[in-house]
Amino acid sequence: STAVNNAFSLSKHSVDYTSLPWVVFTDPQIAGAGMDEVEAEKAGI
């Protein structure tokens, strides 16, 4: 939907994945959002 909007509109939209949630449906389930400690260290935060 973002691609269509930006292709035909003067008002451009962006997709931000900074807080993107995800899930792996094993048991127990694994889920995440944002950075883990390895990514935070790599980013210098």
ModelCIF file with pLDDT and N, C-alpha, C, O atoms, coordinates in Angstrom:
data_MODEL
#
_entry.id   MODEL 
#
_entity.id                         1 
_entity.type                       polymer 
_entity.pdbx_number_of_molecules   1 
#
_entity_poly.entity_id                      1 
_entity_poly.type                           'polypeptide(L)' 
_entity_poly.nstd_linkage                   no 
_entity_poly.nstd_monomer                   no 
_entity_poly.pdbx_seq_one_letter_code       STAVNNAFSLSKHSVDYTSLPWVVFTDPQIAGAGMDEVEAEKAGI 
_entity_poly.pdbx_seq_one_letter_code_can   STAVNNAFSLSKHSVDYTSLPWVVFTDPQIAGAGMDEVEAEKAGI 
_entity_poly.pdbx_strand_id                 A 
#
loop_
_entity_poly_seq.entity_id 
_entity_poly_seq.num 
_entity_poly_seq.mon_id 
_entity_poly_seq.hetero 
1 1  SER n 
1 2  THR n 
1 3  ALA n 
1 4  VAL n 
1 5  ASN n 
1 6  ASN n 
1 7  ALA n 
1 8  PHE n 
1 9  SER n 
1 10 LEU n 
1 11 SER n 
1 12 LYS n 
1 13 HIS n 
1 14 SER n 
1 15 VAL n 
1 16 ASP n 
1 17 TYR n 
1 18 THR n 
1 19 SER n 
1 20 LEU n 
1 21 PRO n 
1 22 TRP n 
1 23 VAL n 
1 24 VAL n 
1 25 PHE n 
1 26 THR n 
1 27 ASP n 
1 28 PRO n 
1 29 GLN n 
1 30 ILE n 
1 31 ALA n 
1 32 GLY n 
1 33 ALA n 
1 34 GLY n 
1 35 MET n 
1 36 ASP n 
1 37 GLU n 
1 38 VAL n 
1 39 GLU n 
1 40 ALA n 
1 41 GLU n 
1 42 LYS n 
1 43 ALA n 
1 44 GLY n 
1 45 ILE n 
#
_struct_asym.id          A 
_struct_asym.entity_id   1 
#
loop_
_ma_qa_metric.id 
_ma_qa_metric.mode 
_ma_qa_metric.name 
_ma_qa_metric.software_group_id 
_ma_qa_metric.type 
1 global pLDDT . pLDDT 
2 local  pLDDT . pLDDT 
#
_ma_qa_metric_global.metric_id      1 
_ma_qa_metric_global.metric_value   95.73 
_ma_qa_metric_global.model_id       1 
_ma_qa_metric_global.ordinal_id     1 
#
loop_
_ma_qa_metric_local.label_asym_id 
_ma_qa_metric_local.label_comp_id 
_ma_qa_metric_local.label_seq_id 
_ma_qa_metric_local.metric_id 
_ma_qa_metric_local.metric_value 
_ma_qa_metric_local.model_id 
_ma_qa_metric_local.ordinal_id 
A SER 1  2 97.00 1 1  
A THR 2  2 97.00 1 2  
A ALA 3  2 97.00 1 3  
A VAL 4  2 97.00 1 4  
A ASN 5  2 95.00 1 5  
A ASN 6  2 95.00 1 6  
A ALA 7  2 95.00 1 7  
A PHE 8  2 92.00 1 8  
A SER 9  2 86.00 1 9  
A LEU 10 2 79.00 1 10 
A SER 11 2 84.00 1 11 
A LYS 12 2 90.00 1 12 
A HIS 13 2 94.00 1 13 
A SER 14 2 96.00 1 14 
A VAL 15 2 97.00 1 15 
A ASP 16 2 97.00 1 16 
A TYR 17 2 97.00 1 17 
A THR 18 2 97.00 1 18 
A SER 19 2 97.00 1 19 
A LEU 20 2 98.00 1 20 
A PRO 21 2 98.00 1 21 
A TRP 22 2 98.00 1 22 
A VAL 23 2 98.00 1 23 
A VAL 24 2 98.00 1 24 
A PHE 25 2 97.00 1 25 
A THR 26 2 97.00 1 26 
A ASP 27 2 97.00 1 27 
A PRO 28 2 97.00 1 28 
A GLN 29 2 98.00 1 29 
A ILE 30 2 98.00 1 30 
A ALA 31 2 98.00 1 31 
A GLY 32 2 98.00 1 32 
A ALA 33 2 98.00 1 33 
A GLY 34 2 98.00 1 34 
A MET 35 2 97.00 1 35 
A ASP 36 2 96.00 1 36 
A GLU 37 2 97.00 1 37 
A VAL 38 2 96.00 1 38 
A GLU 39 2 97.00 1 39 
A ALA 40 2 97.00 1 40 
A GLU 41 2 97.00 1 41 
A LYS 42 2 96.00 1 42 
A ALA 43 2 96.00 1 43 
A GLY 44 2 97.00 1 44 
A ILE 45 2 97.00 1 45 
#
loop_
_atom_site.group_PDB 
_atom_site.id 
_atom_site.type_symbol 
_atom_site.label_atom_id 
_atom_site.label_alt_id 
_atom_site.label_comp_id 
_atom_site.label_asym_id 
_atom_site.label_entity_id 
_atom_site.label_seq_id 
_atom_site.pdbx_PDB_ins_code 
_atom_site.Cartn_x 
_atom_site.Cartn_y 
_atom_site.Cartn_z 
_atom_site.occupancy 
_atom_site.B_iso_or_equiv 
_atom_site.pdbx_formal_charge 
_atom_site.auth_seq_id 
_atom_site.auth_comp_id 
_atom_site.auth_asym_id 
_atom_site.auth_atom_id 
_atom_site.pdbx_PDB_model_num 
ATOM 1   N N  . SER A 1 1  ? 0.830  -1.211  0.000  1.00 97.00 ? 1  SER A N  1 
ATOM 2   C CA . SER A 1 1  ? 0.000  0.000   0.000  1.00 97.00 ? 1  SER A CA 1 
ATOM 3   C C  . SER A 1 1  ? 0.859  1.253   0.000  1.00 97.00 ? 1  SER A C  1 
ATOM 4   O O  . SER A 1 1  ? 0.508  2.256   -0.622 1.00 97.00 ? 1  SER A O  1 
ATOM 5   N N  . THR A 1 2  ? 2.000  1.193   0.708  1.00 97.00 ? 2  THR A N  1 
ATOM 6   C CA . THR A 1 2  ? 2.909  2.341   0.730  1.00 97.00 ? 2  THR A CA 1 
ATOM 7   C C  . THR A 1 2  ? 3.457  2.624   -0.659 1.00 97.00 ? 2  THR A C  1 
ATOM 8   O O  . THR A 1 2  ? 3.567  3.783   -1.059 1.00 97.00 ? 2  THR A O  1 
ATOM 9   N N  . ALA A 1 3  ? 3.800  1.579   -1.393 1.00 97.00 ? 3  ALA A N  1 
ATOM 10  C CA . ALA A 1 3  ? 4.334  1.741   -2.743 1.00 97.00 ? 3  ALA A CA 1 
ATOM 11  C C  . ALA A 1 3  ? 3.331  2.447   -3.652 1.00 97.00 ? 3  ALA A C  1 
ATOM 12  O O  . ALA A 1 3  ? 3.706  3.333   -4.420 1.00 97.00 ? 3  ALA A O  1 
ATOM 13  N N  . VAL A 1 4  ? 2.061  2.059   -3.570 1.00 97.00 ? 4  VAL A N  1 
ATOM 14  C CA . VAL A 1 4  ? 1.038  2.695   -4.408 1.00 97.00 ? 4  VAL A CA 1 
ATOM 15  C C  . VAL A 1 4  ? 0.870  4.152   -4.021 1.00 97.00 ? 4  VAL A C  1 
ATOM 16  O O  . VAL A 1 4  ? 0.817  5.028   -4.884 1.00 97.00 ? 4  VAL A O  1 
ATOM 17  N N  . ASN A 1 5  ? 0.785  4.414   -2.724 1.00 95.00 ? 5  ASN A N  1 
ATOM 18  C CA . ASN A 1 5  ? 0.647  5.804   -2.271 1.00 95.00 ? 5  ASN A CA 1 
ATOM 19  C C  . ASN A 1 5  ? 1.789  6.669   -2.800 1.00 95.00 ? 5  ASN A C  1 
ATOM 20  O O  . ASN A 1 5  ? 1.563  7.766   -3.311 1.00 95.00 ? 5  ASN A O  1 
ATOM 21  N N  . ASN A 1 6  ? 3.006  6.169   -2.672 1.00 95.00 ? 6  ASN A N  1 
ATOM 22  C CA . ASN A 1 6  ? 4.159  6.966   -3.054 1.00 95.00 ? 6  ASN A CA 1 
ATOM 23  C C  . ASN A 1 6  ? 4.327  7.072   -4.561 1.00 95.00 ? 6  ASN A C  1 
ATOM 24  O O  . ASN A 1 6  ? 4.964  8.004   -5.052 1.00 95.00 ? 6  ASN A O  1 
ATOM 25  N N  . ALA A 1 7  ? 3.764  6.130   -5.291 1.00 95.00 ? 7  ALA A N  1 
ATOM 26  C CA . ALA A 1 7  ? 3.839  6.182   -6.750 1.00 95.00 ? 7  ALA A CA 1 
ATOM 27  C C  . ALA A 1 7  ? 2.883  7.217   -7.331 1.00 95.00 ? 7  ALA A C  1 
ATOM 28  O O  . ALA A 1 7  ? 3.146  7.782   -8.392 1.00 95.00 ? 7  ALA A O  1 
ATOM 29  N N  . PHE A 1 8  ? 1.769  7.468   -6.635 1.00 92.00 ? 8  PHE A N  1 
ATOM 30  C CA . PHE A 1 8  ? 0.731  8.332   -7.203 1.00 92.00 ? 8  PHE A CA 1 
ATOM 31  C C  . PHE A 1 8  ? 0.390  9.531   -6.334 1.00 92.00 ? 8  PHE A C  1 
ATOM 32  O O  . PHE A 1 8  ? -0.588 10.228  -6.608 1.00 92.00 ? 8  PHE A O  1 
ATOM 33  N N  . SER A 1 9  ? 1.168  9.788   -5.296 1.00 86.00 ? 9  SER A N  1 
ATOM 34  C CA . SER A 1 9  ? 0.860  10.901  -4.401 1.00 86.00 ? 9  SER A CA 1 
ATOM 35  C C  . SER A 1 9  ? 2.070  11.795  -4.212 1.00 86.00 ? 9  SER A C  1 
ATOM 36  O O  . SER A 1 9  ? 3.211  11.333  -4.224 1.00 86.00 ? 9  SER A O  1 
ATOM 37  N N  . LEU A 1 10 ? 1.807  13.076  -4.037 1.00 79.00 ? 10 LEU A N  1 
ATOM 38  C CA . LEU A 1 10 ? 2.883  14.015  -3.734 1.00 79.00 ? 10 LEU A CA 1 
ATOM 39  C C  . LEU A 1 10 ? 3.303  13.887  -2.274 1.00 79.00 ? 10 LEU A C  1 
ATOM 40  O O  . LEU A 1 10 ? 4.414  14.271  -1.910 1.00 79.00 ? 10 LEU A O  1 
ATOM 41  N N  . SER A 1 11 ? 2.415  13.346  -1.434 1.00 84.00 ? 11 SER A N  1 
ATOM 42  C CA . SER A 1 11 ? 2.702  13.144  -0.015 1.00 84.00 ? 11 SER A CA 1 
ATOM 43  C C  . SER A 1 11 ? 3.298  11.753  0.170  1.00 84.00 ? 11 SER A C  1 
ATOM 44  O O  . SER A 1 11 ? 2.585  10.757  0.050  1.00 84.00 ? 11 SER A O  1 
ATOM 45  N N  . LYS A 1 12 ? 4.586  11.672  0.458  1.00 90.00 ? 12 LYS A N  1 
ATOM 46  C CA . LYS A 1 12 ? 5.283  10.395  0.543  1.00 90.00 ? 12 LYS A CA 1 
ATOM 47  C C  . LYS A 1 12 ? 5.213  9.799   1.945  1.00 90.00 ? 12 LYS A C  1 
ATOM 48  O O  . LYS A 1 12 ? 5.332  10.509  2.944  1.00 90.00 ? 12 LYS A O  1 
ATOM 49  N N  . HIS A 1 13 ? 5.017  8.487   2.000  1.00 94.00 ? 13 HIS A N  1 
ATOM 50  C CA . HIS A 1 13 ? 4.990  7.760   3.265  1.00 94.00 ? 13 HIS A CA 1 
ATOM 51  C C  . HIS A 1 13 ? 6.238  6.895   3.382  1.00 94.00 ? 13 HIS A C  1 
ATOM 52  O O  . HIS A 1 13 ? 6.770  6.430   2.374  1.00 94.00 ? 13 HIS A O  1 
ATOM 53  N N  . SER A 1 14 ? 6.702  6.679   4.599  1.00 96.00 ? 14 SER A N  1 
ATOM 54  C CA . SER A 1 14 ? 7.852  5.817   4.850  1.00 96.00 ? 14 SER A CA 1 
ATOM 55  C C  . SER A 1 14 ? 7.446  4.670   5.764  1.00 96.00 ? 14 SER A C  1 
ATOM 56  O O  . SER A 1 14 ? 6.509  4.791   6.552  1.00 96.00 ? 14 SER A O  1 
ATOM 57  N N  . VAL A 1 15 ? 8.157  3.561   5.652  1.00 97.00 ? 15 VAL A N  1 
ATOM 58  C CA . VAL A 1 15 ? 7.931  2.409   6.522  1.00 97.00 ? 15 VAL A CA 1 
ATOM 59  C C  . VAL A 1 15 ? 9.080  2.335   7.521  1.00 97.00 ? 15 VAL A C  1 
ATOM 60  O O  . VAL A 1 15 ? 10.246 2.270   7.131  1.00 97.00 ? 15 VAL A O  1 
ATOM 61  N N  . ASP A 1 16 ? 8.749  2.344   8.804  1.00 97.00 ? 16 ASP A N  1 
ATOM 62  C CA . ASP A 1 16 ? 9.750  2.329   9.864  1.00 97.00 ? 16 ASP A CA 1 
ATOM 63  C C  . ASP A 1 16 ? 9.690  0.988   10.597 1.00 97.00 ? 16 ASP A C  1 
ATOM 64  O O  . ASP A 1 16 ? 8.665  0.636   11.180 1.00 97.00 ? 16 ASP A O  1 
ATOM 65  N N  . TYR A 1 17 ? 10.799 0.246   10.563 1.00 97.00 ? 17 TYR A N  1 
ATOM 66  C CA . TYR A 1 17 ? 10.824 -1.079  11.179 1.00 97.00 ? 17 TYR A CA 1 
ATOM 67  C C  . TYR A 1 17 ? 11.581 -1.100  12.518 1.00 97.00 ? 17 TYR A C  1 
ATOM 68  O O  . TYR A 1 17 ? 11.985 -2.165  12.984 1.00 97.00 ? 17 TYR A O  1 
ATOM 69  N N  . THR A 1 18 ? 11.767 0.053   13.122 1.00 97.00 ? 18 THR A N  1 
ATOM 70  C CA . THR A 1 18 ? 12.512 0.140   14.377 1.00 97.00 ? 18 THR A CA 1 
ATOM 71  C C  . THR A 1 18 ? 11.889 -0.726  15.471 1.00 97.00 ? 18 THR A C  1 
ATOM 72  O O  . THR A 1 18 ? 12.607 -1.338  16.261 1.00 97.00 ? 18 THR A O  1 
ATOM 73  N N  . SER A 1 19 ? 10.569 -0.778  15.517 1.00 97.00 ? 19 SER A N  1 
ATOM 74  C CA . SER A 1 19 ? 9.884  -1.512  16.592 1.00 97.00 ? 19 SER A CA 1 
ATOM 75  C C  . SER A 1 19 ? 9.165  -2.762  16.079 1.00 97.00 ? 19 SER A C  1 
ATOM 76  O O  . SER A 1 19 ? 8.276  -3.287  16.748 1.00 97.00 ? 19 SER A O  1 
ATOM 77  N N  . LEU A 1 20 ? 9.546  -3.232  14.906 1.00 98.00 ? 20 LEU A N  1 
ATOM 78  C CA . LEU A 1 20 ? 8.845  -4.359  14.270 1.00 98.00 ? 20 LEU A CA 1 
ATOM 79  C C  . LEU A 1 20 ? 8.772  -5.592  15.178 1.00 98.00 ? 20 LEU A C  1 
ATOM 80  O O  . LEU A 1 20 ? 9.810  -6.069  15.637 1.00 98.00 ? 20 LEU A O  1 
ATOM 81  N N  . PRO A 1 21 ? 7.571  -6.120  15.448 1.00 98.00 ? 21 PRO A N  1 
ATOM 82  C CA . PRO A 1 21 ? 7.447  -7.355  16.230 1.00 98.00 ? 21 PRO A CA 1 
ATOM 83  C C  . PRO A 1 21 ? 7.466  -8.592  15.325 1.00 98.00 ? 21 PRO A C  1 
ATOM 84  O O  . PRO A 1 21 ? 6.999  -8.538  14.187 1.00 98.00 ? 21 PRO A O  1 
ATOM 85  N N  . TRP A 1 22 ? 7.998  -9.688  15.825 1.00 98.00 ? 22 TRP A N  1 
ATOM 86  C CA . TRP A 1 22 ? 8.014  -10.941 15.068 1.00 98.00 ? 22 TRP A CA 1 
ATOM 87  C C  . TRP A 1 22 ? 7.912  -12.121 16.044 1.00 98.00 ? 22 TRP A C  1 
ATOM 88  O O  . TRP A 1 22 ? 8.215  -11.993 17.230 1.00 98.00 ? 22 TRP A O  1 
ATOM 89  N N  . VAL A 1 23 ? 7.479  -13.268 15.516 1.00 98.00 ? 23 VAL A N  1 
ATOM 90  C CA . VAL A 1 23 ? 7.275  -14.457 16.350 1.00 98.00 ? 23 VAL A CA 1 
ATOM 91  C C  . VAL A 1 23 ? 7.731  -15.702 15.587 1.00 98.00 ? 23 VAL A C  1 
ATOM 92  O O  . VAL A 1 23 ? 7.480  -15.828 14.389 1.00 98.00 ? 23 VAL A O  1 
ATOM 93  N N  . VAL A 1 24 ? 8.396  -16.613 16.286 1.00 98.00 ? 24 VAL A N  1 
ATOM 94  C CA . VAL A 1 24 ? 8.683  -17.954 15.769 1.00 98.00 ? 24 VAL A CA 1 
ATOM 95  C C  . VAL A 1 24 ? 7.781  -18.910 16.537 1.00 98.00 ? 24 VAL A C  1 
ATOM 96  O O  . VAL A 1 24 ? 7.812  -18.940 17.768 1.00 98.00 ? 24 VAL A O  1 
ATOM 97  N N  . PHE A 1 25 ? 6.974  -19.697 15.815 1.00 97.00 ? 25 PHE A N  1 
ATOM 98  C CA . PHE A 1 25 ? 5.919  -20.484 16.461 1.00 97.00 ? 25 PHE A CA 1 
ATOM 99  C C  . PHE A 1 25 ? 6.381  -21.889 16.846 1.00 97.00 ? 25 PHE A C  1 
ATOM 100 O O  . PHE A 1 25 ? 5.719  -22.883 16.549 1.00 97.00 ? 25 PHE A O  1 
ATOM 101 N N  . THR A 1 26 ? 7.519  -21.943 17.507 1.00 97.00 ? 26 THR A N  1 
ATOM 102 C CA . THR A 1 26 ? 7.924  -23.182 18.151 1.00 97.00 ? 26 THR A CA 1 
ATOM 103 C C  . THR A 1 26 ? 7.226  -23.250 19.507 1.00 97.00 ? 26 THR A C  1 
ATOM 104 O O  . THR A 1 26 ? 6.389  -22.404 19.821 1.00 97.00 ? 26 THR A O  1 
ATOM 105 N N  . ASP A 1 27 ? 7.570  -24.258 20.309 1.00 97.00 ? 27 ASP A N  1 
ATOM 106 C CA . ASP A 1 27 ? 7.037  -24.324 21.668 1.00 97.00 ? 27 ASP A CA 1 
ATOM 107 C C  . ASP A 1 27 ? 8.212  -24.619 22.602 1.00 97.00 ? 27 ASP A C  1 
ATOM 108 O O  . ASP A 1 27 ? 8.730  -25.735 22.580 1.00 97.00 ? 27 ASP A O  1 
ATOM 109 N N  . PRO A 1 28 ? 8.652  -23.659 23.422 1.00 97.00 ? 28 PRO A N  1 
ATOM 110 C CA . PRO A 1 28 ? 8.050  -22.337 23.610 1.00 97.00 ? 28 PRO A CA 1 
ATOM 111 C C  . PRO A 1 28 ? 8.263  -21.426 22.405 1.00 97.00 ? 28 PRO A C  1 
ATOM 112 O O  . PRO A 1 28 ? 9.204  -21.591 21.629 1.00 97.00 ? 28 PRO A O  1 
ATOM 113 N N  . GLN A 1 29 ? 7.355  -20.457 22.277 1.00 98.00 ? 29 GLN A N  1 
ATOM 114 C CA . GLN A 1 29 ? 7.460  -19.484 21.192 1.00 98.00 ? 29 GLN A CA 1 
ATOM 115 C C  . GLN A 1 29 ? 8.606  -18.513 21.452 1.00 98.00 ? 29 GLN A C  1 
ATOM 116 O O  . GLN A 1 29 ? 8.963  -18.231 22.596 1.00 98.00 ? 29 GLN A O  1 
ATOM 117 N N  . ILE A 1 30 ? 9.169  -18.013 20.361 1.00 98.00 ? 30 ILE A N  1 
ATOM 118 C CA . ILE A 1 30 ? 10.232 -17.017 20.447 1.00 98.00 ? 30 ILE A CA 1 
ATOM 119 C C  . ILE A 1 30 ? 9.717  -15.753 19.774 1.00 98.00 ? 30 ILE A C  1 
ATOM 120 O O  . ILE A 1 30 ? 9.198  -15.806 18.660 1.00 98.00 ? 30 ILE A O  1 
ATOM 121 N N  . ALA A 1 31 ? 9.859  -14.623 20.447 1.00 98.00 ? 31 ALA A N  1 
ATOM 122 C CA . ALA A 1 31 ? 9.340  -13.375 19.893 1.00 98.00 ? 31 ALA A CA 1 
ATOM 123 C C  . ALA A 1 31 ? 10.299 -12.240 20.191 1.00 98.00 ? 31 ALA A C  1 
ATOM 124 O O  . ALA A 1 31 ? 11.047 -12.273 21.168 1.00 98.00 ? 31 ALA A O  1 
ATOM 125 N N  . GLY A 1 32 ? 10.261 -11.239 19.332 1.00 98.00 ? 32 GLY A N  1 
ATOM 126 C CA . GLY A 1 32 ? 11.148 -10.108 19.536 1.00 98.00 ? 32 GLY A CA 1 
ATOM 127 C C  . GLY A 1 32 ? 10.611 -8.832  18.932 1.00 98.00 ? 32 GLY A C  1 
ATOM 128 O O  . GLY A 1 32 ? 9.713  -8.854  18.090 1.00 98.00 ? 32 GLY A O  1 
ATOM 129 N N  . ALA A 1 33 ? 11.173 -7.717  19.372 1.00 98.00 ? 33 ALA A N  1 
ATOM 130 C CA . ALA A 1 33 ? 10.890 -6.395  18.803 1.00 98.00 ? 33 ALA A CA 1 
ATOM 131 C C  . ALA A 1 33 ? 12.085 -5.516  19.116 1.00 98.00 ? 33 ALA A C  1 
ATOM 132 O O  . ALA A 1 33 ? 12.684 -5.618  20.187 1.00 98.00 ? 33 ALA A O  1 
ATOM 133 N N  . GLY A 1 34 ? 12.426 -4.654  18.174 1.00 98.00 ? 34 GLY A N  1 
ATOM 134 C CA . GLY A 1 34 ? 13.553 -3.769  18.395 1.00 98.00 ? 34 GLY A CA 1 
ATOM 135 C C  . GLY A 1 34 ? 14.869 -4.518  18.441 1.00 98.00 ? 34 GLY A C  1 
ATOM 136 O O  . GLY A 1 34 ? 14.993 -5.598  17.863 1.00 98.00 ? 34 GLY A O  1 
ATOM 137 N N  . MET A 1 35 ? 15.857 -3.952  19.127 1.00 97.00 ? 35 MET A N  1 
ATOM 138 C CA . MET A 1 35 ? 17.213 -4.496  19.173 1.00 97.00 ? 35 MET A CA 1 
ATOM 139 C C  . MET A 1 35 ? 17.377 -5.523  20.289 1.00 97.00 ? 35 MET A C  1 
ATOM 140 O O  . MET A 1 35 ? 16.686 -5.472  21.306 1.00 97.00 ? 35 MET A O  1 
ATOM 141 N N  . ASP A 1 36 ? 18.313 -6.466  20.079 1.00 96.00 ? 36 ASP A N  1 
ATOM 142 C CA . ASP A 1 36 ? 18.787 -7.248  21.211 1.00 96.00 ? 36 ASP A CA 1 
ATOM 143 C C  . ASP A 1 36 ? 20.105 -6.642  21.665 1.00 96.00 ? 36 ASP A C  1 
ATOM 144 O O  . ASP A 1 36 ? 20.540 -5.629  21.117 1.00 96.00 ? 36 ASP A O  1 
ATOM 145 N N  . GLU A 1 37 ? 20.747 -7.247  22.659 1.00 97.00 ? 37 GLU A N  1 
ATOM 146 C CA . GLU A 1 37 ? 21.948 -6.641  23.228 1.00 97.00 ? 37 GLU A CA 1 
ATOM 147 C C  . GLU A 1 37 ? 23.118 -6.609  22.240 1.00 97.00 ? 37 GLU A C  1 
ATOM 148 O O  . GLU A 1 37 ? 23.945 -5.698  22.283 1.00 97.00 ? 37 GLU A O  1 
ATOM 149 N N  . VAL A 1 38 ? 23.184 -7.601  21.355 1.00 96.00 ? 38 VAL A N  1 
ATOM 150 C CA . VAL A 1 38 ? 24.256 -7.629  20.361 1.00 96.00 ? 38 VAL A CA 1 
ATOM 151 C C  . VAL A 1 38 ? 24.101 -6.471  19.375 1.00 96.00 ? 38 VAL A C  1 
ATOM 152 O O  . VAL A 1 38 ? 25.077 -5.809  19.023 1.00 96.00 ? 38 VAL A O  1 
ATOM 153 N N  . GLU A 1 39 ? 22.877 -6.238  18.938 1.00 97.00 ? 39 GLU A N  1 
ATOM 154 C CA . GLU A 1 39 ? 22.618 -5.151  17.988 1.00 97.00 ? 39 GLU A CA 1 
ATOM 155 C C  . GLU A 1 39 ? 22.814 -3.778  18.634 1.00 97.00 ? 39 GLU A C  1 
ATOM 156 O O  . GLU A 1 39 ? 23.309 -2.849  17.997 1.00 97.00 ? 39 GLU A O  1 
ATOM 157 N N  . ALA A 1 40 ? 22.421 -3.660  19.905 1.00 97.00 ? 40 ALA A N  1 
ATOM 158 C CA . ALA A 1 40 ? 22.591 -2.388  20.612 1.00 97.00 ? 40 ALA A CA 1 
ATOM 159 C C  . ALA A 1 40 ? 24.072 -2.052  20.764 1.00 97.00 ? 40 ALA A C  1 
ATOM 160 O O  . ALA A 1 40 ? 24.482 -0.907  20.579 1.00 97.00 ? 40 ALA A O  1 
ATOM 161 N N  . GLU A 1 41 ? 24.858 -3.054  21.100 1.00 97.00 ? 41 GLU A N  1 
ATOM 162 C CA . GLU A 1 41 ? 26.299 -2.825  21.242 1.00 97.00 ? 41 GLU A CA 1 
ATOM 163 C C  . GLU A 1 41 ? 26.928 -2.441  19.907 1.00 97.00 ? 41 GLU A C  1 
ATOM 164 O O  . GLU A 1 41 ? 27.772 -1.547  19.847 1.00 97.00 ? 41 GLU A O  1 
ATOM 165 N N  . LYS A 1 42 ? 26.520 -3.112  18.849 1.00 96.00 ? 42 LYS A N  1 
ATOM 166 C CA . LYS A 1 42 ? 27.041 -2.807  17.520 1.00 96.00 ? 42 LYS A CA 1 
ATOM 167 C C  . LYS A 1 42 ? 26.682 -1.390  17.092 1.00 96.00 ? 42 LYS A C  1 
ATOM 168 O O  . LYS A 1 42 ? 27.455 -0.730  16.399 1.00 96.00 ? 42 LYS A O  1 
ATOM 169 N N  . ALA A 1 43 ? 25.502 -0.924  17.509 1.00 96.00 ? 43 ALA A N  1 
ATOM 170 C CA . ALA A 1 43 ? 25.052 0.423   17.151 1.00 96.00 ? 43 ALA A CA 1 
ATOM 171 C C  . ALA A 1 43 ? 25.665 1.501   18.040 1.00 96.00 ? 43 ALA A C  1 
ATOM 172 O O  . ALA A 1 43 ? 25.482 2.692   17.787 1.00 96.00 ? 43 ALA A O  1 
ATOM 173 N N  . GLY A 1 44 ? 26.389 1.090   19.076 1.00 97.00 ? 44 GLY A N  1 
ATOM 174 C CA . GLY A 1 44 ? 27.028 2.061   19.957 1.00 97.00 ? 44 GLY A CA 1 
ATOM 175 C C  . GLY A 1 44 ? 26.072 2.742   20.898 1.00 97.00 ? 44 GLY A C  1 
ATOM 176 O O  . GLY A 1 44 ? 26.343 3.853   21.354 1.00 97.00 ? 44 GLY A O  1 
ATOM 177 N N  . ILE A 1 45 ? 24.949 2.101   21.205 1.00 97.00 ? 45 ILE A N  1 
ATOM 178 C CA . ILE A 1 45 ? 23.957 2.688   22.111 1.00 97.00 ? 45 ILE A CA 1 
ATOM 179 C C  . ILE A 1 45 ? 24.257 2.250   23.542 1.00 97.00 ? 45 ILE A C  1 
ATOM 180 O O  . ILE A 1 45 ? 23.541 2.632   24.468 1.00 97.00 ? 45 ILE A O  1 
#
